[in-house]
Amino acid sequence: MLREIQAVMDLLDSAAVCGEDVRQFLEAAGVADVSIQQVKGTEKSTDFVKACICSNGRGPTLGIIGRLGGIGARPERLGLVSDADGAIVALACAAKLGKMAARGDSLPGAVIVATHICPNAPMQPHEPAPFMGSPIDIATMNRHEIDPAMEAILSIDTTKGNWILNHSGFAITPTVKEGYILRVSEDLLNIARIVANAPPVVLPVTTQDITPYGNGVYHVNSIMQPATATKAPVVGVATTASTPIPGSATGANQVFSLEMAARFCVEVAKAFTTEQCLPYDKKEFVHLTTLYGSMTHLQTPGKKTSRSE
């Protein structure tokens, strides 16, 4: 995966990079089904990229979403920002899966990779480290990045600007589904352990984190925002640091952490599409909803509040 990570970083480290550049890169890696859509915000725009790697098999479909505000913060910052990790990892996964298929290692199911490319996104205040903003809102991101065919989702996001988890590498979250924070998947823990050659690291998430942005409560970041717009189980894959790093910081993309995160996602894709990996216990989820009812109200903006986020 190191080759793919470095190639993607080199591709994205440009003030003029766009979705079409990414399409050409992925097609050269063997990914035939790549779509690009530019979406304009009030002042700037971003290019959404969606790549589908599939075979003739009938296995399940995994979604890999690279979540971020932007890959750059020009003109305030020059070069790739820390927030670019999600796009880097997701696109590296697409390139690797495309090469695997071309070399005869086709998955029995499908993988849909989605992210967006904006080299000049705005910055915004956040504690303990500034966030990267985005030209478009989270609801728009979810509409363009979540595909109804995704039966489970890995949401990759830079998660360095906090005092909650201070570890250099990557971490996974508990599985979130329809407003429930479920137990951490043992299958995913096992894959993380093997990939890292070390005990797996888990990022804690709270009820606040699994509610939509804009409701006036604190979110650690946007890693769990896909869970607000789908019935599919969502697991966050966080790139992490041993000290809080602003999302707008440049020179902060750690190649080996990104490589491990990408390798983890590819291994999950192999296991999930061959039905050897479960992101959650289906029977236990049914039991929970029988006991406590639906929690889907946590996927909505909630009641009106005067407090601003």
C-alpha atoms as a PDB file:
ATOM      1  CA  MET A   1       0.000   0.000   0.000  1.00  0.00           C
ATOM      2  CA  LEU A   2       2.941   2.351   0.464  1.00  0.00           C
ATOM      3  CA  ARG A   3       3.269   2.845  -3.295  1.00  0.00           C
ATOM      4  CA  GLU A   4      -0.413   3.787  -3.616  1.00  0.00           C
ATOM      5  CA  ILE A   5      -0.291   6.162  -0.639  1.00  0.00           C
ATOM      6  CA  GLN A   6       2.739   7.985  -2.013  1.00  0.00           C
ATOM      7  CA  ALA A   7       1.242   8.187  -5.501  1.00  0.00           C
ATOM      8  CA  VAL A   8      -2.022   9.640  -4.191  1.00  0.00           C
ATOM      9  CA  MET A   9      -0.214  12.165  -1.987  1.00  0.00           C
ATOM     10  CA  ASP A  10       1.849  13.305  -4.955  1.00  0.00           C
ATOM     11  CA  LEU A  11      -1.295  13.599  -7.090  1.00  0.00           C
ATOM     12  CA  LEU A  12      -3.247  15.621  -4.527  1.00  0.00           C
ATOM     13  CA  ASP A  13      -0.390  17.915  -3.532  1.00  0.00           C
ATOM     14  CA  SER A  14      -1.309  20.532  -6.114  1.00  0.00           C
ATOM     15  CA  ALA A  15      -3.187  23.820  -6.071  1.00  0.00           C
ATOM     16  CA  ALA A  16      -4.857  22.856  -9.358  1.00  0.00           C
ATOM     17  CA  VAL A  17      -5.781  19.195  -8.753  1.00  0.00           C
ATOM     18  CA  CYS A  18      -9.366  18.318  -9.647  1.00  0.00           C
ATOM     19  CA  GLY A  19     -11.690  15.350  -9.908  1.00  0.00           C
ATOM     20  CA  GLU A  20     -10.728  14.678 -13.515  1.00  0.00           C
ATOM     21  CA  ASP A  21      -7.087  14.209 -12.453  1.00  0.00           C
ATOM     22  CA  VAL A  22      -8.230  11.649  -9.915  1.00  0.00           C
ATOM     23  CA  ARG A  23     -10.388   9.869 -12.485  1.00  0.00           C
ATOM     24  CA  GLN A  24      -7.410   9.469 -14.826  1.00  0.00           C
ATOM     25  CA  PHE A  25      -5.225   8.226 -11.967  1.00  0.00           C
ATOM     26  CA  LEU A  26      -7.752   5.582 -10.891  1.00  0.00           C
ATOM     27  CA  GLU A  27      -8.459   4.443 -14.432  1.00  0.00           C
ATOM     28  CA  ALA A  28      -4.713   3.945 -14.960  1.00  0.00           C
ATOM     29  CA  ALA A  29      -4.766   1.761 -11.815  1.00  0.00           C
ATOM     30  CA  GLY A  30      -7.449  -0.469 -13.326  1.00  0.00           C
ATOM     31  CA  VAL A  31     -10.623   1.092 -11.899  1.00  0.00           C
ATOM     32  CA  ALA A  32     -13.026   1.322 -14.835  1.00  0.00           C
ATOM     33  CA  ASP A  33     -16.097   2.739 -13.076  1.00  0.00           C
ATOM     34  CA  VAL A  34     -15.222   6.243 -11.841  1.00  0.00           C
ATOM     35  CA  SER A  35     -17.658   9.160 -11.749  1.00  0.00           C
ATOM     36  CA  ILE A  36     -16.968  12.827 -11.004  1.00  0.00           C
ATOM     37  CA  GLN A  37     -19.436  15.526  -9.992  1.00  0.00           C
ATOM     38  CA  GLN A  38     -18.605  19.118  -9.145  1.00  0.00           C
ATOM     39  CA  VAL A  39     -20.775  20.704  -6.459  1.00  0.00           C
ATOM     40  CA  LYS A  40     -20.653  24.424  -5.801  1.00  0.00           C
ATOM     41  CA  GLY A  41     -21.052  26.040  -2.402  1.00  0.00           C
ATOM     42  CA  THR A  42     -21.732  29.695  -1.720  1.00  0.00           C
ATOM     43  CA  GLU A  43     -18.156  30.732  -2.502  1.00  0.00           C
ATOM     44  CA  LYS A  44     -16.139  27.676  -3.584  1.00  0.00           C
ATOM     45  CA  SER A  45     -16.699  24.231  -5.060  1.00  0.00           C
ATOM     46  CA  THR A  46     -15.510  20.654  -4.611  1.00  0.00           C
ATOM     47  CA  ASP A  47     -15.320  17.609  -6.890  1.00  0.00           C
ATOM     48  CA  PHE A  48     -16.949  14.438  -5.615  1.00  0.00           C
ATOM     49  CA  VAL A  49     -15.284  11.223  -6.752  1.00  0.00           C
ATOM     50  CA  LYS A  50     -16.985   7.832  -6.669  1.00  0.00           C
ATOM     51  CA  ALA A  51     -15.236   4.652  -7.783  1.00  0.00           C
ATOM     52  CA  CYS A  52     -16.793   1.192  -7.927  1.00  0.00           C
ATOM     53  CA  ILE A  53     -14.630  -1.910  -7.921  1.00  0.00           C
ATOM     54  CA  CYS A  54     -16.773  -4.965  -8.538  1.00  0.00           C
ATOM     55  CA  SER A  55     -16.668  -8.448  -9.983  1.00  0.00           C
ATOM     56  CA  ASN A  56     -19.216 -10.871 -11.398  1.00  0.00           C
ATOM     57  CA  GLY A  57     -19.758 -12.333  -7.947  1.00  0.00           C
ATOM     58  CA  ARG A  58     -22.727 -11.710  -5.702  1.00  0.00           C
ATOM     59  CA  GLY A  59     -20.976 -10.946  -2.452  1.00  0.00           C
ATOM     60  CA  PRO A  60     -21.900  -7.982  -0.247  1.00  0.00           C
ATOM     61  CA  THR A  61     -20.951  -4.389  -1.023  1.00  0.00           C
ATOM     62  CA  LEU A  62     -18.653  -2.368   1.224  1.00  0.00           C
ATOM     63  CA  GLY A  63     -18.517   1.420   1.205  1.00  0.00           C
ATOM     64  CA  ILE A  64     -15.228   3.221   1.881  1.00  0.00           C
ATOM     65  CA  ILE A  65     -15.740   6.951   2.432  1.00  0.00           C
ATOM     66  CA  GLY A  66     -12.872   9.392   2.700  1.00  0.00           C
ATOM     67  CA  ARG A  67     -14.302  12.055   4.988  1.00  0.00           C
ATOM     68  CA  LEU A  68     -12.744  15.532   5.068  1.00  0.00           C
ATOM     69  CA  GLY A  69     -13.355  19.218   4.676  1.00  0.00           C
ATOM     70  CA  GLY A  70     -10.656  19.729   2.080  1.00  0.00           C
ATOM     71  CA  ILE A  71      -7.236  18.503   0.967  1.00  0.00           C
ATOM     72  CA  GLY A  72      -5.841  22.045   1.113  1.00  0.00           C
ATOM     73  CA  ALA A  73      -6.543  25.429   2.686  1.00  0.00           C
ATOM     74  CA  ARG A  74      -5.115  27.722   0.045  1.00  0.00           C
ATOM     75  CA  PRO A  75      -4.238  30.567   0.062  1.00  0.00           C
ATOM     76  CA  GLU A  76      -3.816  30.515   3.872  1.00  0.00           C
ATOM     77  CA  ARG A  77      -1.859  27.213   3.800  1.00  0.00           C
ATOM     78  CA  LEU A  78       0.299  25.805   1.008  1.00  0.00           C
ATOM     79  CA  GLY A  79       0.351  22.057   0.403  1.00  0.00           C
ATOM     80  CA  LEU A  80      -1.621  19.093   1.740  1.00  0.00           C
ATOM     81  CA  VAL A  81      -3.284  19.650   5.101  1.00  0.00           C
ATOM     82  CA  SER A  82      -3.685  17.058   7.831  1.00  0.00           C
ATOM     83  CA  ASP A  83      -7.392  16.876   6.975  1.00  0.00           C
ATOM     84  CA  ALA A  84      -6.496  15.311   3.606  1.00  0.00           C
ATOM     85  CA  ASP A  85      -5.889  11.906   5.234  1.00  0.00           C
ATOM     86  CA  GLY A  86      -9.404  10.642   4.512  1.00  0.00           C
ATOM     87  CA  ALA A  87      -9.148  11.339   0.793  1.00  0.00           C
ATOM     88  CA  ILE A  88      -5.601   9.960   0.593  1.00  0.00           C
ATOM     89  CA  VAL A  89      -6.504   6.662   2.251  1.00  0.00           C
ATOM     90  CA  ALA A  90      -9.769   6.177   0.351  1.00  0.00           C
ATOM     91  CA  LEU A  91      -8.207   6.838  -3.059  1.00  0.00           C
ATOM     92  CA  ALA A  92      -5.217   4.626  -2.255  1.00  0.00           C
ATOM     93  CA  CYS A  93      -7.663   1.823  -1.405  1.00  0.00           C
ATOM     94  CA  ALA A  94      -9.449   2.277  -4.736  1.00  0.00           C
ATOM     95  CA  ALA A  95      -6.136   2.171  -6.617  1.00  0.00           C
ATOM     96  CA  LYS A  96      -4.987  -0.946  -4.758  1.00  0.00           C
ATOM     97  CA  LEU A  97      -8.281  -2.779  -5.289  1.00  0.00           C
ATOM     98  CA  GLY A  98      -8.172  -1.853  -8.984  1.00  0.00           C
ATOM     99  CA  LYS A  99      -4.670  -3.301  -9.306  1.00  0.00           C
ATOM    100  CA  MET A 100      -5.692  -6.426  -7.410  1.00  0.00           C
ATOM    101  CA  ALA A 101      -8.592  -7.025  -9.803  1.00  0.00           C
ATOM    102  CA  ALA A 102      -6.348  -6.497 -12.837  1.00  0.00           C
ATOM    103  CA  ARG A 103      -3.917  -9.062 -11.424  1.00  0.00           C
ATOM    104  CA  GLY A 104      -6.591 -11.706 -10.886  1.00  0.00           C
ATOM    105  CA  ASP A 105      -7.546 -11.055  -7.251  1.00  0.00           C
ATOM    106  CA  SER A 106     -11.126  -9.895  -7.790  1.00  0.00           C
ATOM    107  CA  LEU A 107     -13.346  -9.639  -4.751  1.00  0.00           C
ATOM    108  CA  PRO A 108     -16.549 -11.694  -4.783  1.00  0.00           C
ATOM    109  CA  GLY A 109     -18.518  -8.589  -3.884  1.00  0.00           C
ATOM    110  CA  ALA A 110     -18.143  -4.880  -4.605  1.00  0.00           C
ATOM    111  CA  VAL A 111     -16.416  -1.923  -2.994  1.00  0.00           C
ATOM    112  CA  ILE A 112     -17.641   1.627  -3.558  1.00  0.00           C
ATOM    113  CA  VAL A 113     -15.092   4.312  -2.696  1.00  0.00           C
ATOM    114  CA  ALA A 114     -16.239   7.909  -2.323  1.00  0.00           C
ATOM    115  CA  THR A 115     -14.573  11.160  -1.308  1.00  0.00           C
ATOM    116  CA  HIS A 116     -14.212  14.737  -2.543  1.00  0.00           C
ATOM    117  CA  ILE A 117     -11.384  16.937  -3.784  1.00  0.00           C
ATOM    118  CA  CYS A 118     -11.075  20.586  -2.729  1.00  0.00           C
ATOM    119  CA  PRO A 119      -7.561  22.118  -2.654  1.00  0.00           C
ATOM    120  CA  ASN A 120      -8.742  25.477  -1.277  1.00  0.00           C
ATOM    121  CA  ALA A 121     -11.239  24.742   1.505  1.00  0.00           C
ATOM    122  CA  PRO A 122     -11.828  27.247   4.341  1.00  0.00           C
ATOM    123  CA  MET A 123     -10.682  26.827   7.943  1.00  0.00           C
ATOM    124  CA  GLN A 124     -12.925  27.103  10.989  1.00  0.00           C
ATOM    125  CA  PRO A 125     -12.372  27.449  14.761  1.00  0.00           C
ATOM    126  CA  HIS A 126     -12.575  24.323  16.947  1.00  0.00           C
ATOM    127  CA  GLU A 127     -11.127  23.218  20.270  1.00  0.00           C
ATOM    128  CA  PRO A 128      -8.466  22.059  20.996  1.00  0.00           C
ATOM    129  CA  ALA A 129      -7.267  22.542  17.390  1.00  0.00           C
ATOM    130  CA  PRO A 130      -8.778  24.323  14.372  1.00  0.00           C
ATOM    131  CA  PHE A 131     -10.859  22.291  11.928  1.00  0.00           C
ATOM    132  CA  MET A 132     -10.901  22.419   8.175  1.00  0.00           C
ATOM    133  CA  GLY A 133     -14.187  23.700   6.866  1.00  0.00           C
ATOM    134  CA  SER A 134     -15.742  22.746   3.538  1.00  0.00           C
ATOM    135  CA  PRO A 135     -17.355  24.534   0.595  1.00  0.00           C
ATOM    136  CA  ILE A 136     -20.470  22.410   1.110  1.00  0.00           C
ATOM    137  CA  ASP A 137     -22.403  21.194   4.154  1.00  0.00           C
ATOM    138  CA  ILE A 138     -22.413  17.735   5.711  1.00  0.00           C
ATOM    139  CA  ALA A 139     -25.865  16.846   4.396  1.00  0.00           C
ATOM    140  CA  THR A 140     -24.645  17.501   0.846  1.00  0.00           C
ATOM    141  CA  MET A 141     -21.550  15.383   1.496  1.00  0.00           C
ATOM    142  CA  ASN A 142     -23.688  12.517   2.725  1.00  0.00           C
ATOM    143  CA  ARG A 143     -25.946  12.681  -0.339  1.00  0.00           C
ATOM    144  CA  HIS A 144     -22.992  12.428  -2.698  1.00  0.00           C
ATOM    145  CA  GLU A 145     -20.807   9.987  -0.757  1.00  0.00           C
ATOM    146  CA  ILE A 146     -23.298   7.473   0.613  1.00  0.00           C
ATOM    147  CA  ASP A 147     -24.596   4.987  -1.935  1.00  0.00           C
ATOM    148  CA  PRO A 148     -27.753   2.925  -1.241  1.00  0.00           C
ATOM    149  CA  ALA A 149     -25.827  -0.174  -2.359  1.00  0.00           C
ATOM    150  CA  MET A 150     -23.387   0.137   0.558  1.00  0.00           C
ATOM    151  CA  GLU A 151     -24.211  -2.625   3.053  1.00  0.00           C
ATOM    152  CA  ALA A 152     -21.552  -1.480   5.525  1.00  0.00           C
ATOM    153  CA  ILE A 153     -19.375   1.632   5.577  1.00  0.00           C
ATOM    154  CA  LEU A 154     -15.843   2.461   6.679  1.00  0.00           C
ATOM    155  CA  SER A 155     -15.623   6.216   7.287  1.00  0.00           C
ATOM    156  CA  ILE A 156     -11.999   7.407   7.188  1.00  0.00           C
ATOM    157  CA  ASP A 157     -11.219  10.738   8.808  1.00  0.00           C
ATOM    158  CA  THR A 158      -8.266  12.599  10.270  1.00  0.00           C
ATOM    159  CA  THR A 159      -8.808  12.488  14.044  1.00  0.00           C
ATOM    160  CA  LYS A 160      -5.747  14.204  15.431  1.00  0.00           C
ATOM    161  CA  GLY A 161      -7.083  17.460  16.873  1.00  0.00           C
ATOM    162  CA  ASN A 162      -8.203  16.172  20.278  1.00  0.00           C
ATOM    163  CA  TRP A 163      -7.120  15.019  23.735  1.00  0.00           C
ATOM    164  CA  ILE A 164      -9.378  11.948  23.588  1.00  0.00           C
ATOM    165  CA  LEU A 165      -7.056   9.594  21.727  1.00  0.00           C
ATOM    166  CA  ASN A 166      -3.353  10.386  21.532  1.00  0.00           C
ATOM    167  CA  HIS A 167      -1.698   7.566  19.619  1.00  0.00           C
ATOM    168  CA  SER A 168       0.297   7.727  16.412  1.00  0.00           C
ATOM    169  CA  GLY A 169      -1.240   5.394  13.856  1.00  0.00           C
ATOM    170  CA  PHE A 170      -4.876   4.530  13.257  1.00  0.00           C
ATOM    171  CA  ALA A 171      -7.862   3.533  15.346  1.00  0.00           C
ATOM    172  CA  ILE A 172     -11.345   2.184  14.765  1.00  0.00           C
ATOM    173  CA  THR A 173     -14.611   3.134  16.429  1.00  0.00           C
ATOM    174  CA  PRO A 174     -17.484   1.076  17.759  1.00  0.00           C
ATOM    175  CA  THR A 175     -20.035   0.248  15.082  1.00  0.00           C
ATOM    176  CA  VAL A 176     -22.860   2.769  14.806  1.00  0.00           C
ATOM    177  CA  LYS A 177     -26.195   1.814  13.289  1.00  0.00           C
ATOM    178  CA  GLU A 178     -29.466   3.758  13.232  1.00  0.00           C
ATOM    179  CA  GLY A 179     -28.676   5.774  16.348  1.00  0.00           C
ATOM    180  CA  TYR A 180     -27.187   2.906  18.370  1.00  0.00           C
ATOM    181  CA  ILE A 181     -23.533   2.850  19.386  1.00  0.00           C
ATOM    182  CA  LEU A 182     -22.879  -0.886  19.284  1.00  0.00           C
ATOM    183  CA  ARG A 183     -19.980  -2.879  20.676  1.00  0.00           C
ATOM    184  CA  VAL A 184     -16.710  -2.874  18.788  1.00  0.00           C
ATOM    185  CA  SER A 185     -16.648  -5.632  16.173  1.00  0.00           C
ATOM    186  CA  GLU A 186     -14.328  -8.433  17.218  1.00  0.00           C
ATOM    187  CA  ASP A 187     -13.733  -9.276  13.558  1.00  0.00           C
ATOM    188  CA  LEU A 188     -12.529  -5.735  12.894  1.00  0.00           C
ATOM    189  CA  LEU A 189     -10.411  -5.719  16.044  1.00  0.00           C
ATOM    190  CA  ASN A 190      -8.706  -8.854  14.825  1.00  0.00           C
ATOM    191  CA  ILE A 191      -7.979  -7.362  11.405  1.00  0.00           C
ATOM    192  CA  ALA A 192      -6.638  -4.177  13.039  1.00  0.00           C
ATOM    193  CA  ARG A 193      -4.383  -6.250  15.290  1.00  0.00           C
ATOM    194  CA  ILE A 194      -2.915  -8.144  12.370  1.00  0.00           C
ATOM    195  CA  VAL A 195      -2.421  -5.050  10.211  1.00  0.00           C
ATOM    196  CA  ALA A 196      -0.765  -3.021  12.981  1.00  0.00           C
ATOM    197  CA  ASN A 197       1.223  -5.959  14.408  1.00  0.00           C
ATOM    198  CA  ALA A 198       0.138  -4.532  17.766  1.00  0.00           C
ATOM    199  CA  PRO A 199      -2.903  -4.369  20.052  1.00  0.00           C
ATOM    200  CA  PRO A 200      -5.806  -2.636  18.259  1.00  0.00           C
ATOM    201  CA  VAL A 201      -6.669   0.936  19.248  1.00  0.00           C
ATOM    202  CA  VAL A 202     -10.290   2.069  19.650  1.00  0.00           C
ATOM    203  CA  LEU A 203     -11.527   5.651  19.329  1.00  0.00           C
ATOM    204  CA  PRO A 204     -14.378   6.325  21.767  1.00  0.00           C
ATOM    205  CA  VAL A 205     -17.457   7.991  20.312  1.00  0.00           C
ATOM    206  CA  THR A 206     -20.312   9.672  22.151  1.00  0.00           C
ATOM    207  CA  THR A 207     -23.982  10.266  21.486  1.00  0.00           C
ATOM    208  CA  GLN A 208     -23.069  13.790  20.365  1.00  0.00           C
ATOM    209  CA  ASP A 209     -20.702  12.421  17.701  1.00  0.00           C
ATOM    210  CA  ILE A 210     -23.398  10.321  16.031  1.00  0.00           C
ATOM    211  CA  THR A 211     -25.885  13.196  15.673  1.00  0.00           C
ATOM    212  CA  PRO A 212     -25.921  15.473  12.614  1.00  0.00           C
ATOM    213  CA  TYR A 213     -23.762  18.581  12.486  1.00  0.00           C
ATOM    214  CA  GLY A 214     -25.511  21.879  13.073  1.00  0.00           C
ATOM    215  CA  ASN A 215     -27.536  20.821  16.129  1.00  0.00           C
ATOM    216  CA  GLY A 216     -25.534  22.898  18.613  1.00  0.00           C
ATOM    217  CA  VAL A 217     -23.567  20.096  20.318  1.00  0.00           C
ATOM    218  CA  TYR A 218     -19.843  19.323  20.261  1.00  0.00           C
ATOM    219  CA  HIS A 219     -18.567  16.706  17.802  1.00  0.00           C
ATOM    220  CA  VAL A 220     -15.054  15.279  17.981  1.00  0.00           C
ATOM    221  CA  ASN A 221     -15.075  15.568  14.161  1.00  0.00           C
ATOM    222  CA  SER A 222     -17.112  14.373  11.180  1.00  0.00           C
ATOM    223  CA  ILE A 223     -15.977  10.750  11.266  1.00  0.00           C
ATOM    224  CA  MET A 224     -19.402   9.406  12.257  1.00  0.00           C
ATOM    225  CA  GLN A 225     -21.504  11.762  10.120  1.00  0.00           C
ATOM    226  CA  PRO A 226     -22.238   9.076   7.487  1.00  0.00           C
ATOM    227  CA  ALA A 227     -24.082   7.197  10.250  1.00  0.00           C
ATOM    228  CA  THR A 228     -26.669   9.999  10.356  1.00  0.00           C
ATOM    229  CA  ALA A 229     -27.797   9.319   6.789  1.00  0.00           C
ATOM    230  CA  THR A 230     -27.914   5.543   6.317  1.00  0.00           C
ATOM    231  CA  LYS A 231     -29.281   2.333   7.783  1.00  0.00           C
ATOM    232  CA  ALA A 232     -26.005   0.584   7.039  1.00  0.00           C
ATOM    233  CA  PRO A 233     -23.599  -0.044   9.930  1.00  0.00           C
ATOM    234  CA  VAL A 234     -20.798   2.540  10.002  1.00  0.00           C
ATOM    235  CA  VAL A 235     -17.326   2.119  11.503  1.00  0.00           C
ATOM    236  CA  GLY A 236     -14.910   5.006  11.744  1.00  0.00           C
ATOM    237  CA  VAL A 237     -11.283   4.542  10.714  1.00  0.00           C
ATOM    238  CA  ALA A 238      -9.350   7.362  12.336  1.00  0.00           C
ATOM    239  CA  THR A 239      -5.842   8.471  11.493  1.00  0.00           C
ATOM    240  CA  THR A 240      -4.416   9.578  14.829  1.00  0.00           C
ATOM    241  CA  ALA A 241      -1.470  11.390  16.399  1.00  0.00           C
ATOM    242  CA  SER A 242       0.262  11.394  19.771  1.00  0.00           C
ATOM    243  CA  THR A 243      -0.508  15.100  20.284  1.00  0.00           C
ATOM    244  CA  PRO A 244      -3.333  17.350  19.036  1.00  0.00           C
ATOM    245  CA  ILE A 245      -2.685  18.438  15.442  1.00  0.00           C
ATOM    246  CA  PRO A 246      -4.904  21.006  13.676  1.00  0.00           C
ATOM    247  CA  GLY A 247      -6.715  19.710  10.617  1.00  0.00           C
ATOM    248  CA  SER A 248      -5.377  22.748   8.774  1.00  0.00           C
ATOM    249  CA  ALA A 249      -1.727  21.932   9.585  1.00  0.00           C
ATOM    250  CA  THR A 250       0.570  21.105   6.667  1.00  0.00           C
ATOM    251  CA  GLY A 251       3.430  18.602   6.830  1.00  0.00           C
ATOM    252  CA  ALA A 252       1.360  16.458   9.199  1.00  0.00           C
ATOM    253  CA  ASN A 253       0.344  13.568   6.916  1.00  0.00           C
ATOM    254  CA  GLN A 254       2.185  10.533   8.311  1.00  0.00           C
ATOM    255  CA  VAL A 255       2.853   8.147   5.444  1.00  0.00           C
ATOM    256  CA  PHE A 256       3.155   4.985   7.508  1.00  0.00           C
ATOM    257  CA  SER A 257      -0.003   5.698   9.521  1.00  0.00           C
ATOM    258  CA  LEU A 258      -1.880   6.275   6.266  1.00  0.00           C
ATOM    259  CA  GLU A 259      -0.466   3.065   4.824  1.00  0.00           C
ATOM    260  CA  MET A 260      -1.667   1.054   7.821  1.00  0.00           C
ATOM    261  CA  ALA A 261      -5.131   2.624   7.697  1.00  0.00           C
ATOM    262  CA  ALA A 262      -5.409   1.888   3.977  1.00  0.00           C
ATOM    263  CA  ARG A 263      -4.142  -1.670   4.414  1.00  0.00           C
ATOM    264  CA  PHE A 264      -6.741  -2.170   7.143  1.00  0.00           C
ATOM    265  CA  CYS A 265      -9.539  -0.999   4.844  1.00  0.00           C
ATOM    266  CA  VAL A 266      -8.393  -3.301   2.032  1.00  0.00           C
ATOM    267  CA  GLU A 267      -8.232  -6.270   4.414  1.00  0.00           C
ATOM    268  CA  VAL A 268     -11.741  -5.460   5.637  1.00  0.00           C
ATOM    269  CA  ALA A 269     -12.897  -5.293   2.012  1.00  0.00           C
ATOM    270  CA  LYS A 270     -11.499  -8.779   1.397  1.00  0.00           C
ATOM    271  CA  ALA A 271     -13.095 -10.214   4.533  1.00  0.00           C
ATOM    272  CA  PHE A 272     -16.452  -8.433   4.252  1.00  0.00           C
ATOM    273  CA  THR A 273     -17.069  -9.273   0.604  1.00  0.00           C
ATOM    274  CA  THR A 274     -16.277 -12.931   1.296  1.00  0.00           C
ATOM    275  CA  GLU A 275     -18.669 -12.804   4.288  1.00  0.00           C
ATOM    276  CA  GLN A 276     -15.886 -13.547   6.758  1.00  0.00           C
ATOM    277  CA  CYS A 277     -16.281 -10.297   8.697  1.00  0.00           C
ATOM    278  CA  LEU A 278     -19.303  -8.929  10.538  1.00  0.00           C
ATOM    279  CA  PRO A 279     -19.351  -5.247  11.533  1.00  0.00           C
ATOM    280  CA  TYR A 280     -22.118  -5.950  14.071  1.00  0.00           C
ATOM    281  CA  ASP A 281     -24.181  -8.747  15.593  1.00  0.00           C
ATOM    282  CA  LYS A 282     -27.502  -8.727  13.723  1.00  0.00           C
ATOM    283  CA  LYS A 283     -29.367 -10.796  16.314  1.00  0.00           C
ATOM    284  CA  GLU A 284     -28.171  -8.595  19.146  1.00  0.00           C
ATOM    285  CA  PHE A 285     -29.241  -5.467  17.248  1.00  0.00           C
ATOM    286  CA  VAL A 286     -32.735  -6.877  16.785  1.00  0.00           C
ATOM    287  CA  HIS A 287     -32.819  -7.720  20.498  1.00  0.00           C
ATOM    288  CA  LEU A 288     -31.743  -4.179  21.411  1.00  0.00           C
ATOM    289  CA  THR A 289     -34.438  -2.584  19.283  1.00  0.00           C
ATOM    290  CA  THR A 290     -37.022  -4.974  20.730  1.00  0.00           C
ATOM    291  CA  LEU A 291     -36.018  -3.984  24.253  1.00  0.00           C
ATOM    292  CA  TYR A 292     -35.502  -0.248  23.776  1.00  0.00           C
ATOM    293  CA  GLY A 293     -37.134   0.728  20.507  1.00  0.00           C
ATOM    294  CA  SER A 294     -35.851   2.819  17.667  1.00  0.00           C
ATOM    295  CA  MET A 295     -33.032   5.337  18.150  1.00  0.00           C
ATOM    296  CA  THR A 296     -33.315   6.818  14.676  1.00  0.00           C
ATOM    297  CA  HIS A 297     -34.305  10.185  16.148  1.00  0.00           C
ATOM    298  CA  LEU A 298     -30.575  10.618  16.836  1.00  0.00           C
ATOM    299  CA  GLN A 299     -30.066  10.660  13.067  1.00  0.00           C
ATOM    300  CA  THR A 300     -32.193  13.824  12.796  1.00  0.00           C
ATOM    301  CA  PRO A 301     -31.392  17.456  13.682  1.00  0.00           C
ATOM    302  CA  GLY A 302     -33.578  17.052  16.777  1.00  0.00           C
ATOM    303  CA  LYS A 303     -35.701  19.727  18.374  1.00  0.00           C
ATOM    304  CA  LYS A 304     -34.905  23.375  17.659  1.00  0.00           C
ATOM    305  CA  THR A 305     -32.271  24.930  19.888  1.00  0.00           C
ATOM    306  CA  SER A 306     -30.852  28.427  20.238  1.00  0.00           C
ATOM    307  CA  ARG A 307     -27.373  27.154  20.979  1.00  0.00           C
ATOM    308  CA  SER A 308     -24.880  27.269  18.097  1.00  0.00           C
ATOM    309  CA  GLU A 309     -22.191  24.650  17.493  1.00  0.00           C
END
